[in-house]
């Protein structure tokens, strides 16, 4: 079972004062990044659920094109906050340098979170859209400078993962800058380019980079015997393949041959990283299952865009949601749970609730794909997915978000 806080058995812990909670949020980057990211995630999912309900009654809650804002919120709203919380906490250890100063990383995370909230408010107050998008872009530029500075002062012999993340962050800055331009100019035809640049330029590559570095490491800690397998060519193949797909897509050229090769590489990697053996440890299995969706998502993309695509399979966004829900959101739930438990001094054990919520998210991913493949059931399946996502991430948040405002049970800082 997970450890709980309290000075002595049978004694109720004293309530935590609001000022103390704020202080604890600023004690480590992952506390602030994960707490704010989780909060924005919940708000974004709830807004989209209300928007879908409104559509079923023939009206929209948004003064702006809701589908465009949905894409922007789901890509730029919360994933970057989780990334900053993790990379500013774990990254300095990779590089053998001191972490960035609290005031420095707060100056990136807080404005970015305000920009995300501004995007939500812009659904009813369109004047906030350019302001919120610009704030996100400026905050992310500062975040890139902080990370680049940590790399610059590092003398660690292996900085490859850190450098690739910096490149991905820079592409993310370009995507956020494009979003800000769209918000000001209303050049709607560029939205697809911004989404492509953010998803294939930053989000997916960062997830791939972190998986390459951390997933074999986590596996080796709990699966014995375990032979760590993470060659550099695999890192460059995964990240380079994703970047190349994004470039080809922006050029309007077919990419199904590349996508098929990348799908095969990712599925092979899932096997080499011992997906089946990981089921012995649910906390680890969640990460392996989430990674499996990366290969499955690319395989679905081939079905959607390749020479054998049918009008039904190729008509929707099944691959996008396999990657976004199945891979990225599932990995976020699994990885953030693991990091939260580890950095809060709690036992590295997935509770029954967490394990159940994770499998519910897998079922919701399948429902979302069926919403693309079964047009006659599209509306009820979309609503079911939206309701389920709010419930799953809401229950996860109730369990884990309070941990970021509480002292570590072992009395340590961090």
Protein backbone atom coordinates (compact mmCIF):
# COMPACT_ATOMS: atom_id res chain seq x y z
CA UNK A 1 0.00 0.00 0.00
CA UNK A 2 1.07 3.59 -0.47
CA UNK A 3 2.55 5.37 2.51
CA UNK A 4 0.52 8.11 4.13
CA UNK A 5 1.71 11.14 5.99
CA UNK A 6 1.34 11.64 9.72
CA UNK A 7 3.68 11.97 12.64
CA UNK A 8 2.34 9.02 14.66
CA UNK A 9 -0.04 6.18 14.05
CA UNK A 10 -3.60 6.97 15.05
CA UNK A 11 -2.95 10.72 15.13
CA UNK A 12 -4.67 12.88 12.52
CA UNK A 13 -2.15 15.02 10.57
CA UNK A 14 -2.43 18.72 11.19
CA UNK A 15 -4.10 20.63 8.34
CA UNK A 16 -1.71 22.32 5.92
CA UNK A 17 -2.00 26.10 5.77
CA UNK A 18 -2.54 27.65 2.31
CA UNK A 19 0.74 29.58 2.57
CA UNK A 20 2.56 26.36 3.38
CA UNK A 21 0.95 24.64 0.37
CA UNK A 22 2.16 27.39 -1.94
CA UNK A 23 5.65 27.16 -0.47
CA UNK A 24 5.68 23.41 -1.03
CA UNK A 25 4.57 23.88 -4.66
CA UNK A 26 7.69 25.97 -5.24
CA UNK A 27 9.98 23.50 -3.49
CA UNK A 28 10.70 21.55 -6.70
CA UNK A 29 9.83 22.10 -10.38
CA UNK A 30 7.87 18.86 -10.64
CA UNK A 31 5.53 19.97 -7.87
CA UNK A 32 4.50 23.17 -9.65
CA UNK A 33 4.63 21.74 -13.17
CA UNK A 34 2.63 18.62 -12.36
CA UNK A 35 0.07 20.44 -10.20
CA UNK A 36 -0.59 23.18 -12.75
CA UNK A 37 -0.45 20.74 -15.67
CA UNK A 38 -2.96 18.45 -13.97
CA UNK A 39 -5.25 21.36 -13.20
CA UNK A 40 -5.21 22.63 -16.79
CA UNK A 41 -5.72 19.09 -18.09
CA UNK A 42 -8.89 18.70 -16.03
CA UNK A 43 -10.24 22.09 -17.08
CA UNK A 44 -9.52 21.40 -20.76
CA UNK A 45 -11.23 18.00 -20.64
CA UNK A 46 -14.24 19.47 -18.83
CA UNK A 47 -14.54 22.32 -21.35
CA UNK A 48 -14.46 19.89 -24.26
CA UNK A 49 -17.11 17.70 -22.64
CA UNK A 50 -19.40 20.72 -22.20
CA UNK A 51 -18.71 21.77 -25.79
CA UNK A 52 -19.68 18.31 -27.10
CA UNK A 53 -22.84 18.32 -25.00
CA UNK A 54 -23.71 21.75 -26.39
CA UNK A 55 -23.15 20.53 -29.94
CA UNK A 56 -25.55 17.66 -29.38
CA UNK A 57 -28.19 20.33 -28.68
CA UNK A 58 -27.22 22.41 -31.69
CA UNK A 59 -25.09 25.18 -30.18
CA UNK A 60 -21.44 25.88 -29.30
CA UNK A 61 -20.07 27.27 -26.05
CA UNK A 62 -17.15 28.90 -27.84
CA UNK A 63 -17.02 32.25 -29.60
CA UNK A 64 -14.04 30.93 -31.61
CA UNK A 65 -13.81 27.77 -33.77
CA UNK A 66 -14.03 25.17 -31.02
CA UNK A 67 -12.21 22.44 -32.95
CA UNK A 68 -9.18 24.69 -33.45
CA UNK A 69 -9.09 25.62 -29.77
CA UNK A 70 -9.56 21.96 -28.82
CA UNK A 71 -6.46 21.05 -30.80
CA UNK A 72 -4.44 23.91 -29.35
CA UNK A 73 -5.52 23.20 -25.77
CA UNK A 74 -4.94 19.47 -25.95
CA UNK A 75 -1.47 19.93 -27.45
CA UNK A 76 -0.14 23.11 -25.85
CA UNK A 77 -2.30 23.46 -22.75
CA UNK A 78 -0.90 20.92 -20.30
CA UNK A 79 1.72 18.58 -21.85
CA UNK A 80 4.43 21.30 -21.83
CA UNK A 81 3.80 22.04 -18.14
CA UNK A 82 4.38 18.39 -17.23
CA UNK A 83 7.49 18.39 -19.41
CA UNK A 84 8.98 21.41 -17.67
CA UNK A 85 8.20 19.96 -14.25
CA UNK A 86 10.05 16.77 -15.16
CA UNK A 87 12.99 18.13 -17.12
CA UNK A 88 13.89 20.83 -14.59
CA UNK A 89 13.81 18.19 -11.83
CA UNK A 90 15.50 15.22 -13.51
CA UNK A 91 17.44 16.96 -16.28
CA UNK A 92 20.09 18.59 -14.07
CA UNK A 93 20.88 15.14 -12.67
CA UNK A 94 21.42 13.85 -16.22
CA UNK A 95 23.79 16.74 -16.87
CA UNK A 96 25.54 16.81 -13.50
CA UNK A 97 24.68 20.49 -12.90
CA UNK A 98 22.79 22.41 -10.24
CA UNK A 99 19.07 22.85 -10.92
CA UNK A 100 17.87 26.20 -12.24
CA UNK A 101 17.06 28.80 -9.60
CA UNK A 102 13.50 28.70 -8.30
CA UNK A 103 12.73 32.19 -9.56
CA UNK A 104 13.99 31.20 -13.02
CA UNK A 105 11.86 28.10 -13.53
CA UNK A 106 8.84 29.73 -11.90
CA UNK A 107 9.16 32.54 -14.45
CA UNK A 108 8.62 29.90 -17.15
CA UNK A 109 6.02 27.60 -15.57
CA UNK A 110 3.69 30.20 -14.04
CA UNK A 111 3.27 32.43 -17.14
CA UNK A 112 2.84 29.37 -19.31
CA UNK A 113 0.07 28.09 -17.03
CA UNK A 114 -1.58 31.52 -17.11
CA UNK A 115 -1.48 31.37 -20.90
CA UNK A 116 -3.19 27.97 -20.80
CA UNK A 117 -5.93 29.31 -18.55
CA UNK A 118 -6.22 32.28 -20.90
CA UNK A 119 -6.90 29.89 -23.79
CA UNK A 120 -9.77 28.38 -21.83
CA UNK A 121 -11.20 31.83 -21.09
CA UNK A 122 -10.76 32.80 -24.74
CA UNK A 123 -13.51 30.36 -25.65
CA UNK A 124 -15.90 32.99 -24.30
CA UNK A 125 -13.67 36.08 -24.53
CA UNK A 126 -11.95 35.90 -27.95
CA UNK A 127 -9.87 39.01 -27.21
CA UNK A 128 -7.82 36.85 -24.83
CA UNK A 129 -6.78 34.36 -27.52
CA UNK A 130 -3.82 36.33 -28.95
CA UNK A 131 -2.76 37.43 -25.45
CA UNK A 132 -2.83 33.88 -24.10
CA UNK A 133 -1.06 32.41 -27.13
CA UNK A 134 1.64 35.08 -27.01
CA UNK A 135 2.15 34.54 -23.28
CA UNK A 136 2.62 30.81 -23.85
CA UNK A 137 5.12 31.48 -26.63
CA UNK A 138 7.19 33.94 -24.58
CA UNK A 139 7.16 31.69 -21.52
CA UNK A 140 8.32 28.76 -23.65
CA UNK A 141 11.16 30.81 -25.13
CA UNK A 142 12.35 31.51 -21.60
CA UNK A 143 11.98 27.82 -20.75
CA UNK A 144 14.22 26.96 -23.72
CA UNK A 145 16.85 29.44 -22.55
CA UNK A 146 16.87 27.91 -19.07
CA UNK A 147 17.34 24.41 -20.42
CA UNK A 148 19.95 25.54 -22.92
CA UNK A 149 21.85 27.22 -20.08
CA UNK A 150 21.93 23.99 -18.08
CA UNK A 151 23.34 22.15 -21.08
CA UNK A 152 25.92 24.89 -21.70
CA UNK A 153 27.46 24.63 -18.23
CA UNK A 154 27.39 20.84 -18.16
CA UNK A 155 30.56 18.80 -18.57
CA UNK A 156 28.73 15.45 -18.61
CA UNK A 157 30.10 13.14 -21.33
CA UNK A 158 26.59 12.14 -22.46
CA UNK A 159 24.35 15.09 -23.29
CA UNK A 160 22.63 13.58 -26.34
CA UNK A 161 19.19 13.22 -24.78
CA UNK A 162 19.38 16.72 -23.33
CA UNK A 163 20.43 18.24 -26.68
CA UNK A 164 17.65 16.47 -28.57
CA UNK A 165 15.13 17.75 -26.04
CA UNK A 166 16.46 21.27 -26.56
CA UNK A 167 15.97 20.95 -30.34
CA UNK A 168 12.44 19.66 -29.76
CA UNK A 169 11.76 22.54 -27.36
CA UNK A 170 12.96 24.99 -30.01
CA UNK A 171 10.55 23.50 -32.55
CA UNK A 172 7.84 23.81 -29.92
CA UNK A 173 8.68 27.50 -29.55
CA UNK A 174 8.25 27.92 -33.30
CA UNK A 175 4.86 26.15 -33.13
CA UNK A 176 3.68 28.33 -30.26
CA UNK A 177 4.86 31.42 -32.12
CA UNK A 178 2.81 30.31 -35.11
CA UNK A 179 -0.23 29.85 -32.88
CA UNK A 180 0.22 33.41 -31.62
CA UNK A 181 0.43 34.69 -35.21
CA UNK A 182 -2.76 32.81 -36.11
CA UNK A 183 -4.56 34.23 -33.08
CA UNK A 184 -3.65 37.77 -34.15
CA UNK A 185 -4.10 37.42 -37.92
CA UNK A 186 -6.95 34.85 -38.00
CA UNK A 187 -5.10 32.95 -40.73
CA UNK A 188 -7.05 29.77 -40.04
CA UNK A 189 -5.39 27.81 -42.82
CA UNK A 190 -2.17 27.79 -40.76
CA UNK A 191 -3.70 26.01 -37.76
CA UNK A 192 -2.94 22.60 -39.22
CA UNK A 193 0.72 23.60 -39.66
CA UNK A 194 0.94 24.74 -36.04
CA UNK A 195 -0.60 21.47 -34.83
CA UNK A 196 1.77 19.42 -36.96
CA UNK A 197 4.81 21.36 -35.78
CA UNK A 198 3.84 21.06 -32.12
CA UNK A 199 2.86 17.38 -32.20
CA UNK A 200 5.55 15.99 -34.52
CA UNK A 201 8.20 18.60 -33.79
CA UNK A 202 8.09 18.69 -29.99
CA UNK A 203 5.59 16.55 -28.11
CA UNK A 204 6.12 13.13 -29.69
CA UNK A 205 9.92 13.55 -29.93
CA UNK A 206 10.21 14.53 -26.24
CA UNK A 207 8.12 11.52 -25.23
CA UNK A 208 10.34 9.28 -27.39
CA UNK A 209 13.55 10.75 -25.94
CA UNK A 210 12.44 10.36 -22.34
CA UNK A 211 11.19 6.82 -23.00
CA UNK A 212 14.54 5.86 -24.54
CA UNK A 213 16.43 7.15 -21.53
CA UNK A 214 14.09 6.18 -18.69
CA UNK A 215 11.97 3.15 -19.61
CA UNK A 216 14.87 0.65 -19.82
CA UNK A 217 16.29 2.21 -16.64
CA UNK A 218 13.02 1.79 -14.73
CA UNK A 219 12.70 -1.76 -16.10
CA UNK A 220 16.20 -2.75 -15.01
CA UNK A 221 15.41 -1.57 -11.48
CA UNK A 222 12.56 -4.02 -10.97
CA UNK A 223 12.90 -6.83 -13.55
CA UNK A 224 15.75 -9.19 -12.82
CA UNK A 225 17.51 -10.39 -14.82
CA UNK A 226 17.05 -7.61 -17.37
CA UNK A 227 19.39 -6.65 -20.18
CA UNK A 228 19.16 -2.93 -20.85
CA UNK A 229 18.77 -2.21 -24.55
CA UNK A 230 18.84 1.39 -25.71
CA UNK A 231 21.35 1.82 -28.57
CA UNK A 232 21.94 5.31 -29.90
CA UNK A 233 20.74 4.34 -33.36
CA UNK A 234 17.37 3.55 -31.79
CA UNK A 235 17.18 7.01 -30.24
CA UNK A 236 18.05 8.71 -33.52
CA UNK A 237 15.75 6.40 -35.47
CA UNK A 238 12.71 7.10 -33.29
CA UNK A 239 13.20 10.84 -32.98
CA UNK A 240 14.48 11.32 -36.52
CA UNK A 241 11.58 9.30 -37.91
CA UNK A 242 9.04 11.46 -36.08
CA UNK A 243 10.70 14.69 -37.22
CA UNK A 244 10.90 13.43 -40.80
CA UNK A 245 7.22 12.52 -40.75
CA UNK A 246 6.38 16.05 -39.61
CA UNK A 247 8.47 17.57 -42.40
CA UNK A 248 6.95 15.33 -45.08
CA UNK A 249 3.47 16.09 -43.76
CA UNK A 250 4.08 19.84 -43.89
CA UNK A 251 5.21 19.43 -47.50
CA UNK A 252 1.97 17.64 -48.33
CA UNK A 253 3.71 14.46 -49.46
CA UNK A 254 2.74 10.85 -48.63
CA UNK A 255 4.61 9.42 -45.66
CA UNK A 256 3.13 5.94 -45.31
CA UNK A 257 6.39 4.14 -46.17
CA UNK A 258 8.24 6.04 -43.44
CA UNK A 259 5.31 5.54 -41.06
CA UNK A 260 5.30 1.79 -41.70
CA UNK A 261 9.01 1.59 -40.94
CA UNK A 262 8.59 3.68 -37.78
CA UNK A 263 5.65 1.52 -36.66
CA UNK A 264 7.76 -1.61 -37.08
CA UNK A 265 10.67 -0.06 -35.18
CA UNK A 266 8.48 1.03 -32.27
CA UNK A 267 6.65 -2.29 -32.01
CA UNK A 268 9.98 -4.15 -32.12
CA UNK A 269 11.32 -1.85 -29.41
CA UNK A 270 8.29 -2.57 -27.24
CA UNK A 271 9.08 -6.27 -27.55
CA UNK A 272 12.80 -5.78 -26.86
CA UNK A 273 11.98 -3.71 -23.78
CA UNK A 274 10.03 -6.72 -22.46
CA UNK A 275 6.43 -5.57 -22.54
CA UNK A 276 5.08 -8.96 -21.41
CA UNK A 277 7.49 -9.27 -18.47
CA UNK A 278 6.57 -5.79 -17.27
CA UNK A 279 3.12 -7.05 -16.22
CA UNK A 280 4.76 -8.45 -13.10
CA UNK A 281 4.95 -4.85 -11.83
CA UNK A 282 1.82 -2.80 -12.62
CA UNK A 283 3.54 0.58 -12.16
CA UNK A 284 6.09 -0.42 -14.79
CA UNK A 285 3.54 -2.18 -17.01
CA UNK A 286 1.56 1.05 -17.37
CA UNK A 287 4.58 2.70 -19.02
CA UNK A 288 5.22 -0.25 -21.32
CA UNK A 289 1.57 -0.46 -22.38
CA UNK A 290 1.54 3.28 -23.09
CA UNK A 291 4.67 2.92 -25.21
CA UNK A 292 3.03 0.11 -27.17
CA UNK A 293 0.46 2.66 -28.36
CA UNK A 294 3.23 4.61 -30.11
CA UNK A 295 3.80 1.71 -32.50
CA UNK A 296 0.09 0.95 -32.78
CA UNK A 297 -0.66 4.61 -33.52
CA UNK A 298 1.85 4.67 -36.37
CA UNK A 299 0.38 1.43 -37.71
CA UNK A 300 -3.10 2.98 -37.67
CA UNK A 301 -1.66 5.99 -39.49
CA UNK A 302 -0.47 3.69 -42.26
CA UNK A 303 -3.98 2.23 -42.50
CA UNK A 304 -5.43 5.73 -42.70
CA UNK A 305 -3.06 7.19 -45.28
CA UNK A 306 -1.47 4.26 -47.10
CA UNK A 307 -2.47 2.66 -50.40
CA UNK A 308 -4.93 0.32 -48.67
CA UNK A 309 -6.87 3.07 -46.88
CA UNK A 310 -10.66 2.84 -47.18
CA UNK A 311 -13.11 5.76 -47.06
CA UNK A 312 -14.06 4.81 -43.49
CA UNK A 313 -10.63 4.06 -42.04
CA UNK A 314 -9.00 6.96 -43.83
CA UNK A 315 -11.70 9.51 -43.09
CA UNK A 316 -10.92 10.44 -39.50
CA UNK A 317 -8.30 11.06 -36.93
CA UNK A 318 -7.95 7.65 -35.37
CA UNK A 319 -4.15 7.63 -35.56
CA UNK A 320 -3.94 11.09 -34.00
CA UNK A 321 -5.99 9.96 -31.01
CA UNK A 322 -4.14 6.64 -30.75
CA UNK A 323 -0.97 8.70 -30.33
CA UNK A 324 -2.47 11.48 -28.20
CA UNK A 325 -4.71 9.41 -25.91
CA UNK A 326 -3.17 5.96 -26.11
CA UNK A 327 0.49 6.95 -26.10
CA UNK A 328 0.96 10.45 -24.71
CA UNK A 329 -1.87 10.76 -22.18
CA UNK A 330 -1.44 7.15 -21.01
CA UNK A 331 2.31 7.67 -20.67
CA UNK A 332 1.69 10.91 -18.83
CA UNK A 333 -0.55 9.14 -16.32
CA UNK A 334 1.90 6.27 -15.91
CA UNK A 335 5.13 8.27 -15.89
CA UNK A 336 3.90 11.13 -13.71
CA UNK A 337 2.52 8.61 -11.21
CA UNK A 338 5.91 6.91 -11.02
CA UNK A 339 7.85 10.18 -10.70
CA UNK A 340 5.38 11.55 -8.15
CA UNK A 341 5.66 8.51 -5.92
CA UNK A 342 9.44 8.37 -6.24
CA UNK A 343 10.05 12.06 -5.60
CA UNK A 344 7.63 12.20 -2.68
CA UNK A 345 9.26 9.38 -0.75
CA UNK A 346 6.30 7.02 -1.21
CA UNK A 347 6.40 3.36 -2.15
CA UNK A 348 6.76 2.72 -5.89
CA UNK A 349 3.57 0.71 -6.07
CA UNK A 350 0.57 1.39 -8.29
CA UNK A 351 -2.56 1.33 -6.15
CA UNK A 352 -5.57 -0.64 -7.28
CA UNK A 353 -7.29 2.65 -8.12
CA UNK A 354 -4.40 3.81 -10.31
CA UNK A 355 -4.16 0.48 -12.11
CA UNK A 356 -7.92 0.50 -12.74
CA UNK A 357 -7.92 4.10 -13.99
CA UNK A 358 -5.10 3.30 -16.37
CA UNK A 359 -7.05 0.42 -17.92
CA UNK A 360 -10.13 2.62 -18.16
CA UNK A 361 -8.04 5.08 -20.17
CA UNK A 362 -7.05 2.25 -22.53
CA UNK A 363 -10.72 1.40 -23.04
CA UNK A 364 -11.52 5.06 -23.69
CA UNK A 365 -8.79 5.21 -26.33
CA UNK A 366 -10.38 2.28 -28.14
CA UNK A 367 -13.80 3.94 -27.91
CA UNK A 368 -12.34 7.11 -29.41
CA UNK A 369 -10.90 5.14 -32.33
CA UNK A 370 -14.24 3.42 -32.87
CA UNK A 371 -15.79 6.87 -33.03
CA UNK A 372 -13.79 7.41 -36.22
CA UNK A 373 -14.37 3.95 -37.65
CA UNK A 374 -18.11 3.63 -36.94
CA UNK A 375 -19.63 6.89 -38.23
CA UNK A 376 -23.15 5.94 -37.16
CA UNK A 377 -22.01 5.86 -33.52
CA UNK A 378 -19.63 8.81 -33.70
CA UNK A 379 -21.57 11.24 -31.48
CA UNK A 380 -22.36 8.86 -28.59
CA UNK A 381 -18.82 7.44 -28.67
CA UNK A 382 -17.27 10.92 -28.58
CA UNK A 383 -19.49 11.85 -25.65
CA UNK A 384 -18.68 8.59 -23.84
CA UNK A 385 -14.96 9.18 -24.36
CA UNK A 386 -15.22 12.76 -23.10
CA UNK A 387 -17.21 11.79 -20.00
CA UNK A 388 -14.88 8.90 -19.26
CA UNK A 389 -11.77 11.04 -19.68
CA UNK A 390 -13.06 13.62 -17.20
CA UNK A 391 -13.88 10.88 -14.69
CA UNK A 392 -10.58 9.02 -15.10
CA UNK A 393 -8.32 12.06 -14.92
CA UNK A 394 -10.52 13.61 -12.24
CA UNK A 395 -10.14 10.60 -9.96
CA UNK A 396 -6.41 10.43 -10.73
CA UNK A 397 -6.09 14.12 -9.84
CA UNK A 398 -7.95 13.69 -6.55
CA UNK A 399 -5.42 11.00 -5.63
CA UNK A 400 -2.19 12.65 -6.80
CA UNK A 401 -2.50 16.44 -7.10
CA UNK A 402 -2.72 16.97 -3.32
CA UNK A 403 0.68 15.28 -2.96
CA UNK A 404 2.34 18.30 -4.56
CA UNK A 405 1.01 20.58 -1.80
CA UNK A 406 1.96 18.23 1.05
CA UNK A 407 5.31 17.58 2.77
CA UNK A 408 7.10 14.38 1.90
CA UNK A 409 6.14 11.57 4.30
CA UNK A 410 9.84 10.82 4.86
CA UNK A 411 10.52 14.38 6.00
CA UNK A 412 12.91 15.20 3.17
CA UNK A 413 12.66 18.17 0.86
CA UNK A 414 11.90 17.89 -2.84
